[in-house]
């Protein structure tokens, strides 16, 4: 399964360097921490969880298996909120 950012989501940087994911179809605004911002930036192109974990491991100098277990519930939350989508 591949994950990718919902095409209707707009990633916006605020004046204070904070980033938000704005959904113009619902009006929902989601404030993002730096890791969430990195995940959504990587998911501009569809990636499976192994590819995403590997990219984050490179950026954060961390173990990709540990990252994978950490991001799995977060990806489910992002999908539930409509911020990301999945494809088979």
Protein backbone atom coordinates (compact mmCIF):
# COMPACT_ATOMS: atom_id res chain seq x y z
CA UNK A 1 0.00 0.00 0.00
CA UNK A 2 1.27 3.45 -0.90
CA UNK A 3 0.49 6.67 0.93
CA UNK A 4 0.31 10.12 -0.61
CA UNK A 5 -0.88 13.57 0.38
CA UNK A 6 -4.48 14.34 -0.50
CA UNK A 7 -4.26 16.58 -3.60
CA UNK A 8 -6.79 19.02 -2.14
CA UNK A 9 -4.63 19.65 0.94
CA UNK A 10 -2.63 22.88 0.93
CA UNK A 11 0.55 22.98 3.01
CA UNK A 12 0.99 26.52 4.28
CA UNK A 13 3.86 28.06 6.25
CA UNK A 14 2.81 30.65 8.82
CA UNK A 15 4.83 33.72 9.79
CA UNK A 16 6.22 32.02 12.89
CA UNK A 17 7.70 29.16 10.81
CA UNK A 18 4.84 26.86 11.81
CA UNK A 19 3.31 24.79 9.03
CA UNK A 20 -0.34 23.82 8.63
CA UNK A 21 -2.25 21.47 6.39
CA UNK A 22 -5.38 23.25 5.18
CA UNK A 23 -8.26 21.44 3.52
CA UNK A 24 -10.23 23.99 1.49
CA UNK A 25 -13.08 21.53 0.90
CA UNK A 26 -13.84 21.20 4.63
CA UNK A 27 -12.15 24.31 6.02
CA UNK A 28 -10.16 22.15 8.44
CA UNK A 29 -6.72 23.39 9.48
CA UNK A 30 -4.23 20.96 11.02
CA UNK A 31 -1.13 22.35 12.75
CA UNK A 32 1.97 20.29 12.01
CA UNK A 33 5.13 19.69 13.98
CA UNK A 34 8.41 19.35 12.08
CA UNK A 35 8.17 15.56 11.73
CA UNK A 36 4.61 15.73 10.39
CA UNK A 37 5.75 18.41 7.93
CA UNK A 38 8.59 16.17 6.78
CA UNK A 39 6.24 13.21 6.35
CA UNK A 40 3.83 15.22 4.22
CA UNK A 41 6.67 16.69 2.17
CA UNK A 42 7.94 13.16 1.45
CA UNK A 43 4.42 12.00 0.59
CA UNK A 44 4.10 14.51 -2.26
CA UNK A 45 4.88 11.37 -4.29
CA UNK A 46 3.29 8.03 -3.33
CA UNK A 47 5.48 5.97 -0.97
CA UNK A 48 4.95 2.73 0.88
CA UNK A 49 5.72 2.62 4.58
CA UNK A 50 9.19 1.14 4.01
CA UNK A 51 10.14 3.93 1.58
CA UNK A 52 8.79 6.58 3.95
CA UNK A 53 10.57 5.09 6.98
CA UNK A 54 13.81 4.87 5.01
CA UNK A 55 13.58 8.51 3.92
CA UNK A 56 12.88 9.63 7.51
CA UNK A 57 15.69 7.43 8.85
CA UNK A 58 18.10 9.20 6.51
CA UNK A 59 16.89 12.63 7.61
CA UNK A 60 16.87 11.87 11.33
CA UNK A 61 19.76 9.38 11.48
CA UNK A 62 17.50 6.78 13.10
CA UNK A 63 16.56 3.12 12.66
CA UNK A 64 13.97 2.68 9.89
CA UNK A 65 12.25 -0.26 11.66
CA UNK A 66 11.74 1.85 14.78
CA UNK A 67 10.47 4.74 12.68
CA UNK A 68 8.07 2.43 10.86
CA UNK A 69 6.48 1.31 14.12
CA UNK A 70 6.28 4.93 15.31
CA UNK A 71 4.66 6.31 12.14
CA UNK A 72 2.12 3.53 11.49
CA UNK A 73 -0.51 4.90 13.90
CA UNK A 74 0.22 8.45 12.74
CA UNK A 75 -0.38 7.50 9.10
CA UNK A 76 -3.71 5.93 10.11
CA UNK A 77 -4.63 9.19 11.88
CA UNK A 78 -3.65 11.29 8.85
CA UNK A 79 -5.75 9.03 6.60
CA UNK A 80 -8.72 9.23 8.97
CA UNK A 81 -8.52 13.04 8.87
CA UNK A 82 -8.33 13.00 5.08
CA UNK A 83 -4.86 14.55 4.96
CA UNK A 84 -3.37 11.57 3.16
CA UNK A 85 -4.80 8.92 0.89
CA UNK A 86 -3.78 5.38 0.06
CA UNK A 87 -3.47 3.39 -3.13
CA UNK A 88 -2.94 -0.32 -3.57
